[in-house]
């Protein structure tokens, strides 16, 4: 029974990977695609939101009484929405510093 459970779980992995992609005609856009590539393959988005996030990291010297220095990094976030019409799902694409990091399917377009 365990081997059937493992086989069932593994068969879902490709479907999960495809959930993080968009098909634009014959082209496929996925996580890691650049801003220029997605624009060239899918055209301009219907809507664009701009945000800035600040992420913190810390550096430790490795000693028990170490000093920790905080470093703040600014990340440019863009959220692009593609509306492919009433017969297809809209797609939300999140870019961080010009690279696609997340793709979500929304409801049907208009």
PDB file of N, CA and C in Angstrom:
ATOM      1  N   UNK A   1       0.811  -1.188   0.000  1.00  0.00           N
ATOM      2  CA  UNK A   1       0.000   0.000   0.000  1.00  0.00           C
ATOM      3  C   UNK A   1       0.863   1.263   0.000  1.00  0.00           C
ATOM      4  N   UNK A   2       2.006   1.219   0.691  1.00  0.00           N
ATOM      5  CA  UNK A   2       2.885   2.384   0.746  1.00  0.00           C
ATOM      6  C   UNK A   2       3.401   2.780  -0.632  1.00  0.00           C
ATOM      7  N   UNK A   3       3.701   1.784  -1.474  1.00  0.00           N
ATOM      8  CA  UNK A   3       4.216   2.128  -2.800  1.00  0.00           C
ATOM      9  C   UNK A   3       3.152   2.830  -3.633  1.00  0.00           C
ATOM     10  N   UNK A   4       1.865   2.513  -3.433  1.00  0.00           N
ATOM     11  CA  UNK A   4       0.800   3.201  -4.170  1.00  0.00           C
ATOM     12  C   UNK A   4       0.647   4.637  -3.682  1.00  0.00           C
ATOM     13  N   UNK A   5       0.825   4.830  -2.394  1.00  0.00           N
ATOM     14  CA  UNK A   5       0.754   6.177  -1.835  1.00  0.00           C
ATOM     15  C   UNK A   5       1.892   7.044  -2.374  1.00  0.00           C
ATOM     16  N   UNK A   6       3.103   6.479  -2.390  1.00  0.00           N
ATOM     17  CA  UNK A   6       4.258   7.207  -2.912  1.00  0.00           C
ATOM     18  C   UNK A   6       4.060   7.512  -4.397  1.00  0.00           C
ATOM     19  N   UNK A   7       3.577   6.550  -5.161  1.00  0.00           N
ATOM     20  CA  UNK A   7       3.343   6.761  -6.593  1.00  0.00           C
ATOM     21  C   UNK A   7       2.306   7.856  -6.820  1.00  0.00           C
ATOM     22  N   UNK A   8       1.274   7.873  -5.989  1.00  0.00           N
ATOM     23  CA  UNK A   8       0.249   8.908  -6.111  1.00  0.00           C
ATOM     24  C   UNK A   8       0.782  10.296  -5.814  1.00  0.00           C
ATOM     25  N   UNK A   9       1.592  10.406  -4.785  1.00  0.00           N
ATOM     26  CA  UNK A   9       2.175  11.697  -4.424  1.00  0.00           C
ATOM     27  C   UNK A   9       3.138  12.158  -5.514  1.00  0.00           C
ATOM     28  N   UNK A  10       3.983  11.269  -5.999  1.00  0.00           N
ATOM     29  CA  UNK A  10       4.949  11.638  -7.030  1.00  0.00           C
ATOM     30  C   UNK A  10       4.278  12.025  -8.342  1.00  0.00           C
ATOM     31  N   UNK A  11       3.107  11.455  -8.624  1.00  0.00           N
ATOM     32  CA  UNK A  11       2.420  11.816  -9.859  1.00  0.00           C
ATOM     33  C   UNK A  11       1.874  13.239  -9.811  1.00  0.00           C
ATOM     34  N   UNK A  12       1.740  13.809  -8.622  1.00  0.00           N
ATOM     35  CA  UNK A  12       1.260  15.184  -8.478  1.00  0.00           C
ATOM     36  C   UNK A  12       2.364  16.207  -8.644  1.00  0.00           C
ATOM     37  N   UNK A  13       3.612  15.815  -8.519  1.00  0.00           N
ATOM     38  CA  UNK A  13       4.729  16.762  -8.590  1.00  0.00           C
ATOM     39  C   UNK A  13       4.776  17.500  -9.922  1.00  0.00           C
ATOM     40  N   UNK A  14       4.677  16.839 -11.095  1.00  0.00           N
ATOM     41  CA  UNK A  14       4.688  17.607 -12.342  1.00  0.00           C
ATOM     42  C   UNK A  14       3.522  18.583 -12.439  1.00  0.00           C
ATOM     43  N   UNK A  15       2.372  18.234 -11.924  1.00  0.00           N
ATOM     44  CA  UNK A  15       1.220  19.134 -11.960  1.00  0.00           C
ATOM     45  C   UNK A  15       1.484  20.373 -11.120  1.00  0.00           C
ATOM     46  N   UNK A  16       2.157  20.212  -9.980  1.00  0.00           N
ATOM     47  CA  UNK A  16       2.488  21.359  -9.146  1.00  0.00           C
ATOM     48  C   UNK A  16       3.502  22.251  -9.839  1.00  0.00           C
ATOM     49  N   UNK A  17       4.457  21.658 -10.535  1.00  0.00           N
ATOM     50  CA  UNK A  17       5.448  22.458 -11.248  1.00  0.00           C
ATOM     51  C   UNK A  17       4.783  23.258 -12.366  1.00  0.00           C
ATOM     52  N   UNK A  18       3.811  22.673 -13.057  1.00  0.00           N
ATOM     53  CA  UNK A  18       3.131  23.363 -14.140  1.00  0.00           C
ATOM     54  C   UNK A  18       2.219  24.469 -13.615  1.00  0.00           C
ATOM     55  N   UNK A  19       1.797  24.383 -12.361  1.00  0.00           N
ATOM     56  CA  UNK A  19       0.946  25.425 -11.794  1.00  0.00           C
ATOM     57  C   UNK A  19       1.715  26.738 -11.694  1.00  0.00           C
ATOM     58  N   UNK A  20       3.010  26.701 -11.715  1.00  0.00           N
ATOM     59  CA  UNK A  20       3.851  27.885 -11.642  1.00  0.00           C
ATOM     60  C   UNK A  20       4.332  28.275 -13.033  1.00  0.00           C
ATOM     61  N   UNK A  21       3.442  28.232 -14.030  1.00  0.00           N
ATOM     62  CA  UNK A  21       3.807  28.629 -15.381  1.00  0.00           C
ATOM     63  C   UNK A  21       2.598  29.201 -16.107  1.00  0.00           C
ATOM     64  N   UNK A  22       2.885  29.933 -17.184  1.00  0.00           N
ATOM     65  CA  UNK A  22       1.851  30.518 -18.035  1.00  0.00           C
ATOM     66  C   UNK A  22       2.166  30.114 -19.464  1.00  0.00           C
ATOM     67  N   UNK A  23       1.135  29.822 -20.210  1.00  0.00           N
ATOM     68  CA  UNK A  23       1.305  29.574 -21.636  1.00  0.00           C
ATOM     69  C   UNK A  23       0.821  30.815 -22.378  1.00  0.00           C
ATOM     70  N   UNK A  24       1.704  31.400 -23.180  1.00  0.00           N
ATOM     71  CA  UNK A  24       1.388  32.543 -24.037  1.00  0.00           C
ATOM     72  C   UNK A  24       1.575  32.083 -25.474  1.00  0.00           C
ATOM     73  N   UNK A  25       0.484  31.681 -26.105  1.00  0.00           N
ATOM     74  CA  UNK A  25       0.588  31.095 -27.447  1.00  0.00           C
ATOM     75  C   UNK A  25       1.325  29.777 -27.341  1.00  0.00           C
ATOM     76  N   UNK A  26       2.468  29.685 -27.996  1.00  0.00           N
ATOM     77  CA  UNK A  26       3.271  28.460 -27.937  1.00  0.00           C
ATOM     78  C   UNK A  26       4.430  28.579 -26.955  1.00  0.00           C
ATOM     79  N   UNK A  27       4.545  29.714 -26.294  1.00  0.00           N
ATOM     80  CA  UNK A  27       5.641  29.963 -25.346  1.00  0.00           C
ATOM     81  C   UNK A  27       5.179  29.674 -23.920  1.00  0.00           C
ATOM     82  N   UNK A  28       6.105  29.219 -23.095  1.00  0.00           N
ATOM     83  CA  UNK A  28       5.803  28.962 -21.693  1.00  0.00           C
ATOM     84  C   UNK A  28       6.713  29.826 -20.832  1.00  0.00           C
ATOM     85  N   UNK A  29       6.115  30.493 -19.866  1.00  0.00           N
ATOM     86  CA  UNK A  29       6.825  31.348 -18.930  1.00  0.00           C
ATOM     87  C   UNK A  29       6.776  30.672 -17.568  1.00  0.00           C
ATOM     88  N   UNK A  30       7.887  30.623 -16.869  1.00  0.00           N
ATOM     89  CA  UNK A  30       7.914  30.011 -15.554  1.00  0.00           C
ATOM     90  C   UNK A  30       8.739  30.824 -14.575  1.00  0.00           C
ATOM     91  N   UNK A  31       8.830  30.322 -13.365  1.00  0.00           N
ATOM     92  CA  UNK A  31       9.641  30.955 -12.334  1.00  0.00           C
ATOM     93  C   UNK A  31      11.085  31.024 -12.832  1.00  0.00           C
ATOM     94  N   UNK A  32      11.717  32.185 -12.644  1.00  0.00           N
ATOM     95  CA  UNK A  32      13.080  32.389 -13.096  1.00  0.00           C
ATOM     96  C   UNK A  32      13.174  33.166 -14.398  1.00  0.00           C
ATOM     97  N   UNK A  33      12.043  33.361 -15.059  1.00  0.00           N
ATOM     98  CA  UNK A  33      12.010  34.123 -16.307  1.00  0.00           C
ATOM     99  C   UNK A  33      12.249  35.604 -16.003  1.00  0.00           C
ATOM    100  N   UNK A  34      12.938  36.289 -16.892  1.00  0.00           N
ATOM    101  CA  UNK A  34      13.208  37.708 -16.677  1.00  0.00           C
ATOM    102  C   UNK A  34      12.053  38.579 -17.173  1.00  0.00           C
ATOM    103  N   UNK A  35      12.037  39.828 -16.731  1.00  0.00           N
ATOM    104  CA  UNK A  35      11.024  40.799 -17.139  1.00  0.00           C
ATOM    105  C   UNK A  35      10.986  40.924 -18.669  1.00  0.00           C
ATOM    106  N   UNK A  36      12.140  41.028 -19.291  1.00  0.00           N
ATOM    107  CA  UNK A  36      12.216  41.159 -20.740  1.00  0.00           C
ATOM    108  C   UNK A  36      11.678  39.951 -21.483  1.00  0.00           C
ATOM    109  N   UNK A  37      11.980  38.756 -20.980  1.00  0.00           N
ATOM    110  CA  UNK A  37      11.500  37.530 -21.623  1.00  0.00           C
ATOM    111  C   UNK A  37       9.982  37.422 -21.559  1.00  0.00           C
ATOM    112  N   UNK A  38       9.416  37.722 -20.390  1.00  0.00           N
ATOM    113  CA  UNK A  38       7.960  37.586 -20.267  1.00  0.00           C
ATOM    114  C   UNK A  38       7.244  38.625 -21.127  1.00  0.00           C
ATOM    115  N   UNK A  39       7.790  39.830 -21.224  1.00  0.00           N
ATOM    116  CA  UNK A  39       7.185  40.855 -22.075  1.00  0.00           C
ATOM    117  C   UNK A  39       7.289  40.455 -23.546  1.00  0.00           C
ATOM    118  N   UNK A  40       8.407  39.910 -23.942  1.00  0.00           N
ATOM    119  CA  UNK A  40       8.595  39.483 -25.333  1.00  0.00           C
ATOM    120  C   UNK A  40       7.649  38.340 -25.701  1.00  0.00           C
ATOM    121  N   UNK A  41       7.379  37.450 -24.770  1.00  0.00           N
ATOM    122  CA  UNK A  41       6.559  36.272 -25.067  1.00  0.00           C
ATOM    123  C   UNK A  41       5.063  36.491 -24.830  1.00  0.00           C
ATOM    124  N   UNK A  42       4.711  37.307 -23.826  1.00  0.00           N
ATOM    125  CA  UNK A  42       3.301  37.480 -23.459  1.00  0.00           C
ATOM    126  C   UNK A  42       2.771  38.884 -23.721  1.00  0.00           C
ATOM    127  N   UNK A  43       3.638  39.817 -24.043  1.00  0.00           N
ATOM    128  CA  UNK A  43       3.199  41.185 -24.258  1.00  0.00           C
ATOM    129  C   UNK A  43       3.095  41.940 -22.943  1.00  0.00           C
ATOM    130  N   UNK A  44       2.559  43.145 -23.031  1.00  0.00           N
ATOM    131  CA  UNK A  44       2.404  43.983 -21.839  1.00  0.00           C
ATOM    132  C   UNK A  44       1.257  43.460 -20.968  1.00  0.00           C
ATOM    133  N   UNK A  45       1.399  43.513 -19.654  1.00  0.00           N
ATOM    134  CA  UNK A  45       0.314  43.073 -18.761  1.00  0.00           C
ATOM    135  C   UNK A  45      -0.841  44.076 -18.769  1.00  0.00           C
ATOM    136  N   UNK A  46      -1.997  43.610 -18.340  1.00  0.00           N
ATOM    137  CA  UNK A  46      -3.178  44.462 -18.225  1.00  0.00           C
ATOM    138  C   UNK A  46      -3.011  45.462 -17.091  1.00  0.00           C
ATOM    139  N   UNK A  47      -2.391  45.010 -16.002  1.00  0.00           N
ATOM    140  CA  UNK A  47      -2.219  45.852 -14.815  1.00  0.00           C
ATOM    141  C   UNK A  47      -0.860  45.572 -14.196  1.00  0.00           C
ATOM    142  N   UNK A  48      -0.236  46.619 -13.639  1.00  0.00           N
ATOM    143  CA  UNK A  48       1.059  46.474 -12.962  1.00  0.00           C
ATOM    144  C   UNK A  48       0.984  47.206 -11.624  1.00  0.00           C
ATOM    145  N   UNK A  49       1.374  46.524 -10.553  1.00  0.00           N
ATOM    146  CA  UNK A  49       1.488  47.143  -9.223  1.00  0.00           C
ATOM    147  C   UNK A  49       2.970  47.152  -8.855  1.00  0.00           C
ATOM    148  N   UNK A  50       3.413  48.249  -8.243  1.00  0.00           N
ATOM    149  CA  UNK A  50       4.808  48.368  -7.807  1.00  0.00           C
ATOM    150  C   UNK A  50       4.850  48.438  -6.284  1.00  0.00           C
ATOM    151  N   UNK A  51       5.774  47.683  -5.695  1.00  0.00           N
ATOM    152  CA  UNK A  51       5.982  47.691  -4.247  1.00  0.00           C
ATOM    153  C   UNK A  51       7.474  47.613  -3.969  1.00  0.00           C
ATOM    154  N   UNK A  52       7.837  47.991  -2.759  1.00  0.00           N
ATOM    155  CA  UNK A  52       9.218  47.837  -2.310  1.00  0.00           C
ATOM    156  C   UNK A  52       9.171  47.077  -0.995  1.00  0.00           C
ATOM    157  N   UNK A  53      10.031  46.080  -0.863  1.00  0.00           N
ATOM    158  CA  UNK A  53      10.131  45.325   0.382  1.00  0.00           C
ATOM    159  C   UNK A  53      11.568  45.430   0.873  1.00  0.00           C
ATOM    160  N   UNK A  54      11.715  45.373   2.154  1.00  0.00           N
ATOM    161  CA  UNK A  54      13.042  45.404   2.763  1.00  0.00           C
ATOM    162  C   UNK A  54      13.234  44.103   3.518  1.00  0.00           C
ATOM    163  N   UNK A  55      14.266  43.372   3.154  1.00  0.00           N
ATOM    164  CA  UNK A  55      14.553  42.115   3.829  1.00  0.00           C
ATOM    165  C   UNK A  55      15.777  42.303   4.704  1.00  0.00           C
ATOM    166  N   UNK A  56      15.759  41.667   5.827  1.00  0.00           N
ATOM    167  CA  UNK A  56      16.878  41.774   6.750  1.00  0.00           C
ATOM    168  C   UNK A  56      17.655  40.483   6.804  1.00  0.00           C
ATOM    169  N   UNK A  57      18.951  40.610   6.896  1.00  0.00           N
ATOM    170  CA  UNK A  57      19.818  39.454   7.094  1.00  0.00           C
ATOM    171  C   UNK A  57      20.760  39.794   8.226  1.00  0.00           C
ATOM    172  N   UNK A  58      21.298  38.793   8.842  1.00  0.00           N
ATOM    173  CA  UNK A  58      22.247  39.056   9.916  1.00  0.00           C
ATOM    174  C   UNK A  58      23.524  38.269   9.666  1.00  0.00           C
ATOM    175  N   UNK A  59      24.605  38.838  10.082  1.00  0.00           N
ATOM    176  CA  UNK A  59      25.916  38.219   9.916  1.00  0.00           C
ATOM    177  C   UNK A  59      26.494  38.012  11.302  1.00  0.00           C
ATOM    178  N   UNK A  60      26.931  36.808  11.583  1.00  0.00           N
ATOM    179  CA  UNK A  60      27.481  36.496  12.887  1.00  0.00           C
ATOM    180  C   UNK A  60      28.946  36.133  12.754  1.00  0.00           C
ATOM    181  N   UNK A  61      29.738  36.483  13.772  1.00  0.00           N
ATOM    182  CA  UNK A  61      31.168  36.170  13.734  1.00  0.00           C
ATOM    183  C   UNK A  61      31.447  34.729  14.141  1.00  0.00           C
ATOM    184  N   UNK A  62      30.459  34.042  14.692  1.00  0.00           N
ATOM    185  CA  UNK A  62      30.632  32.638  15.035  1.00  0.00           C
ATOM    186  C   UNK A  62      31.097  32.391  16.456  1.00  0.00           C
ATOM    187  N   UNK A  63      31.362  33.430  17.213  1.00  0.00           N
ATOM    188  CA  UNK A  63      31.770  33.258  18.611  1.00  0.00           C
ATOM    189  C   UNK A  63      30.527  33.228  19.499  1.00  0.00           C
ATOM    190  N   UNK A  64      30.693  32.697  20.686  1.00  0.00           N
ATOM    191  CA  UNK A  64      29.564  32.614  21.609  1.00  0.00           C
ATOM    192  C   UNK A  64      29.089  34.022  21.989  1.00  0.00           C
ATOM    193  N   UNK A  65      30.002  34.943  22.149  1.00  0.00           N
ATOM    194  CA  UNK A  65      29.652  36.322  22.458  1.00  0.00           C
ATOM    195  C   UNK A  65      29.817  37.178  21.203  1.00  0.00           C
ATOM    196  N   UNK A  66      29.278  36.674  20.101  1.00  0.00           N
ATOM    197  CA  UNK A  66      29.499  37.329  18.816  1.00  0.00           C
ATOM    198  C   UNK A  66      28.663  38.588  18.661  1.00  0.00           C
ATOM    199  N   UNK A  67      29.133  39.424  17.789  1.00  0.00           N
ATOM    200  CA  UNK A  67      28.389  40.614  17.407  1.00  0.00           C
ATOM    201  C   UNK A  67      27.619  40.279  16.142  1.00  0.00           C
ATOM    202  N   UNK A  68      26.381  40.696  16.094  1.00  0.00           N
ATOM    203  CA  UNK A  68      25.569  40.456  14.914  1.00  0.00           C
ATOM    204  C   UNK A  68      25.294  41.789  14.249  1.00  0.00           C
ATOM    205  N   UNK A  69      25.565  41.841  12.994  1.00  0.00           N
ATOM    206  CA  UNK A  69      25.360  43.067  12.228  1.00  0.00           C
ATOM    207  C   UNK A  69      24.180  42.849  11.289  1.00  0.00           C
ATOM    208  N   UNK A  70      23.173  43.711  11.346  1.00  0.00           N
ATOM    209  CA  UNK A  70      22.020  43.589  10.469  1.00  0.00           C
ATOM    210  C   UNK A  70      22.247  44.316   9.161  1.00  0.00           C
ATOM    211  N   UNK A  71      21.869  43.673   8.076  1.00  0.00           N
ATOM    212  CA  UNK A  71      21.976  44.262   6.755  1.00  0.00           C
ATOM    213  C   UNK A  71      20.584  44.272   6.149  1.00  0.00           C
ATOM    214  N   UNK A  72      20.148  45.419   5.666  1.00  0.00           N
ATOM    215  CA  UNK A  72      18.837  45.527   5.042  1.00  0.00           C
ATOM    216  C   UNK A  72      19.014  45.641   3.539  1.00  0.00           C
ATOM    217  N   UNK A  73      18.243  44.846   2.806  1.00  0.00           N
ATOM    218  CA  UNK A  73      18.317  44.834   1.358  1.00  0.00           C
ATOM    219  C   UNK A  73      16.965  45.252   0.795  1.00  0.00           C
ATOM    220  N   UNK A  74      16.976  46.191  -0.149  1.00  0.00           N
ATOM    221  CA  UNK A  74      15.747  46.638  -0.792  1.00  0.00           C
ATOM    222  C   UNK A  74      15.440  45.731  -1.971  1.00  0.00           C
ATOM    223  N   UNK A  75      14.190  45.259  -2.048  1.00  0.00           N
ATOM    224  CA  UNK A  75      13.761  44.390  -3.145  1.00  0.00           C
ATOM    225  C   UNK A  75      12.615  45.080  -3.878  1.00  0.00           C
ATOM    226  N   UNK A  76      12.772  45.262  -5.184  1.00  0.00           N
ATOM    227  CA  UNK A  76      11.724  45.856  -6.014  1.00  0.00           C
ATOM    228  C   UNK A  76      10.754  44.747  -6.415  1.00  0.00           C
ATOM    229  N   UNK A  77       9.475  44.919  -6.076  1.00  0.00           N
ATOM    230  CA  UNK A  77       8.452  43.923  -6.381  1.00  0.00           C
ATOM    231  C   UNK A  77       7.466  44.519  -7.372  1.00  0.00           C
ATOM    232  N   UNK A  78       7.183  43.761  -8.416  1.00  0.00           N
ATOM    233  CA  UNK A  78       6.154  44.133  -9.379  1.00  0.00           C
ATOM    234  C   UNK A  78       5.165  42.985  -9.447  1.00  0.00           C
ATOM    235  N   UNK A  79       3.884  43.323  -9.460  1.00  0.00           N
ATOM    236  CA  UNK A  79       2.847  42.307  -9.614  1.00  0.00           C
ATOM    237  C   UNK A  79       2.113  42.619 -10.914  1.00  0.00           C
ATOM    238  N   UNK A  80       2.278  41.723 -11.882  1.00  0.00           N
ATOM    239  CA  UNK A  80       1.676  41.895 -13.201  1.00  0.00           C
ATOM    240  C   UNK A  80       0.440  41.021 -13.295  1.00  0.00           C
ATOM    241  N   UNK A  81      -0.633  41.561 -13.847  1.00  0.00           N
ATOM    242  CA  UNK A  81      -1.846  40.792 -14.077  1.00  0.00           C
ATOM    243  C   UNK A  81      -2.085  40.707 -15.574  1.00  0.00           C
ATOM    244  N   UNK A  82      -2.248  39.487 -16.067  1.00  0.00           N
ATOM    245  CA  UNK A  82      -2.565  39.242 -17.473  1.00  0.00           C
ATOM    246  C   UNK A  82      -4.008  38.794 -17.589  1.00  0.00           C
ATOM    247  N   UNK A  83      -4.755  39.438 -18.479  1.00  0.00           N
ATOM    248  CA  UNK A  83      -6.145  39.095 -18.751  1.00  0.00           C
ATOM    249  C   UNK A  83      -6.207  38.587 -20.185  1.00  0.00           C
ATOM    250  N   UNK A  84      -6.386  37.285 -20.341  1.00  0.00           N
ATOM    251  CA  UNK A  84      -6.384  36.667 -21.664  1.00  0.00           C
ATOM    252  C   UNK A  84      -7.780  36.497 -22.238  1.00  0.00           C
ATOM    253  N   UNK A  85      -8.780  37.152 -21.636  1.00  0.00           N
ATOM    254  CA  UNK A  85     -10.139  37.098 -22.168  1.00  0.00           C
ATOM    255  C   UNK A  85     -11.051  36.189 -21.358  1.00  0.00           C
ATOM    256  N   UNK A  86     -12.354  36.180 -21.716  1.00  0.00           N
ATOM    257  CA  UNK A  86     -13.354  35.486 -20.904  1.00  0.00           C
ATOM    258  C   UNK A  86     -13.274  33.961 -20.936  1.00  0.00           C
ATOM    259  N   UNK A  87     -12.542  33.401 -21.871  1.00  0.00           N
ATOM    260  CA  UNK A  87     -12.453  31.939 -21.965  1.00  0.00           C
ATOM    261  C   UNK A  87     -11.190  31.376 -21.332  1.00  0.00           C
ATOM    262  N   UNK A  88     -10.362  32.254 -20.752  1.00  0.00           N
ATOM    263  CA  UNK A  88      -9.113  31.800 -20.134  1.00  0.00           C
ATOM    264  C   UNK A  88      -8.967  32.434 -18.755  1.00  0.00           C
ATOM    265  N   UNK A  89      -8.194  31.766 -17.911  1.00  0.00           N
ATOM    266  CA  UNK A  89      -7.950  32.288 -16.567  1.00  0.00           C
ATOM    267  C   UNK A  89      -6.964  33.447 -16.620  1.00  0.00           C
ATOM    268  N   UNK A  90      -7.215  34.467 -15.818  1.00  0.00           N
ATOM    269  CA  UNK A  90      -6.253  35.550 -15.672  1.00  0.00           C
ATOM    270  C   UNK A  90      -5.077  35.011 -14.864  1.00  0.00           C
ATOM    271  N   UNK A  91      -3.916  35.620 -15.038  1.00  0.00           N
ATOM    272  CA  UNK A  91      -2.711  35.179 -14.353  1.00  0.00           C
ATOM    273  C   UNK A  91      -2.077  36.353 -13.626  1.00  0.00           C
ATOM    274  N   UNK A  92      -1.631  36.116 -12.402  1.00  0.00           N
ATOM    275  CA  UNK A  92      -0.893  37.120 -11.632  1.00  0.00           C
ATOM    276  C   UNK A  92       0.543  36.642 -11.531  1.00  0.00           C
ATOM    277  N   UNK A  93       1.465  37.512 -11.958  1.00  0.00           N
ATOM    278  CA  UNK A  93       2.886  37.174 -11.989  1.00  0.00           C
ATOM    279  C   UNK A  93       3.610  38.123 -11.045  1.00  0.00           C
ATOM    280  N   UNK A  94       4.342  37.568 -10.092  1.00  0.00           N
ATOM    281  CA  UNK A  94       5.120  38.401  -9.169  1.00  0.00           C
ATOM    282  C   UNK A  94       6.582  38.343  -9.569  1.00  0.00           C
ATOM    283  N   UNK A  95       7.163  39.535  -9.771  1.00  0.00           N
ATOM    284  CA  UNK A  95       8.580  39.660 -10.100  1.00  0.00           C
ATOM    285  C   UNK A  95       9.290  40.335  -8.939  1.00  0.00           C
ATOM    286  N   UNK A  96      10.450  39.841  -8.598  1.00  0.00           N
ATOM    287  CA  UNK A  96      11.296  40.479  -7.595  1.00  0.00           C
ATOM    288  C   UNK A  96      12.623  40.802  -8.266  1.00  0.00           C
ATOM    289  N   UNK A  97      12.951  42.091  -8.283  1.00  0.00           N
ATOM    290  CA  UNK A  97      14.147  42.586  -8.963  1.00  0.00           C
ATOM    291  C   UNK A  97      14.221  42.088 -10.405  1.00  0.00           C
ATOM    292  N   UNK A  98      13.060  42.073 -11.084  1.00  0.00           N
ATOM    293  CA  UNK A  98      13.007  41.742 -12.502  1.00  0.00           C
ATOM    294  C   UNK A  98      12.960  40.272 -12.843  1.00  0.00           C
ATOM    295  N   UNK A  99      12.815  39.395 -11.856  1.00  0.00           N
ATOM    296  CA  UNK A  99      12.778  37.949 -12.079  1.00  0.00           C
ATOM    297  C   UNK A  99      11.454  37.401 -11.548  1.00  0.00           C
ATOM    298  N   UNK A 100      10.793  36.528 -12.326  1.00  0.00           N
ATOM    299  CA  UNK A 100       9.531  35.915 -11.908  1.00  0.00           C
ATOM    300  C   UNK A 100       9.791  34.970 -10.736  1.00  0.00           C
ATOM    301  N   UNK A 101       9.052  35.201  -9.624  1.00  0.00           N
ATOM    302  CA  UNK A 101       9.199  34.343  -8.444  1.00  0.00           C
ATOM    303  C   UNK A 101       7.913  33.591  -8.105  1.00  0.00           C
ATOM    304  N   UNK A 102       6.775  34.042  -8.645  1.00  0.00           N
ATOM    305  CA  UNK A 102       5.506  33.378  -8.336  1.00  0.00           C
ATOM    306  C   UNK A 102       4.514  33.652  -9.457  1.00  0.00           C
ATOM    307  N   UNK A 103       3.722  32.633  -9.781  1.00  0.00           N
ATOM    308  CA  UNK A 103       2.648  32.763 -10.764  1.00  0.00           C
ATOM    309  C   UNK A 103       1.398  32.154 -10.161  1.00  0.00           C
ATOM    310  N   UNK A 104       0.290  32.899 -10.222  1.00  0.00           N
ATOM    311  CA  UNK A 104      -0.976  32.426  -9.670  1.00  0.00           C
ATOM    312  C   UNK A 104      -2.065  32.549 -10.716  1.00  0.00           C
ATOM    313  N   UNK A 105      -2.930  31.550 -10.792  1.00  0.00           N
ATOM    314  CA  UNK A 105      -4.107  31.634 -11.650  1.00  0.00           C
ATOM    315  C   UNK A 105      -5.224  32.305 -10.872  1.00  0.00           C
ATOM    316  N   UNK A 106      -5.930  33.210 -11.547  1.00  0.00           N
ATOM    317  CA  UNK A 106      -7.066  33.899 -10.957  1.00  0.00           C
ATOM    318  C   UNK A 106      -8.336  33.391 -11.624  1.00  0.00           C
ATOM    319  N   UNK A 107      -9.433  34.091 -11.476  1.00  0.00           N
ATOM    320  CA  UNK A 107     -10.684  33.714 -12.140  1.00  0.00           C
ATOM    321  C   UNK A 107     -10.603  33.995 -13.634  1.00  0.00           C
ATOM    322  N   UNK A 108     -11.697  33.686 -14.321  1.00  0.00           N
ATOM    323  CA  UNK A 108     -11.746  33.934 -15.748  1.00  0.00           C
ATOM    324  C   UNK A 108     -11.699  35.423 -16.035  1.00  0.00           C
ATOM    325  N   UNK A 109     -11.108  35.760 -17.164  1.00  0.00           N
ATOM    326  CA  UNK A 109     -10.935  37.145 -17.554  1.00  0.00           C
ATOM    327  C   UNK A 109     -12.235  37.766 -18.045  1.00  0.00           C
ATOM    328  N   UNK A 110     -12.122  38.930 -18.614  1.00  0.00           N
ATOM    329  CA  UNK A 110     -13.288  39.664 -19.122  1.00  0.00           C
ATOM    330  C   UNK A 110     -13.005  40.173 -20.512  1.00  0.00           C
TER     331      UNK A 110
END
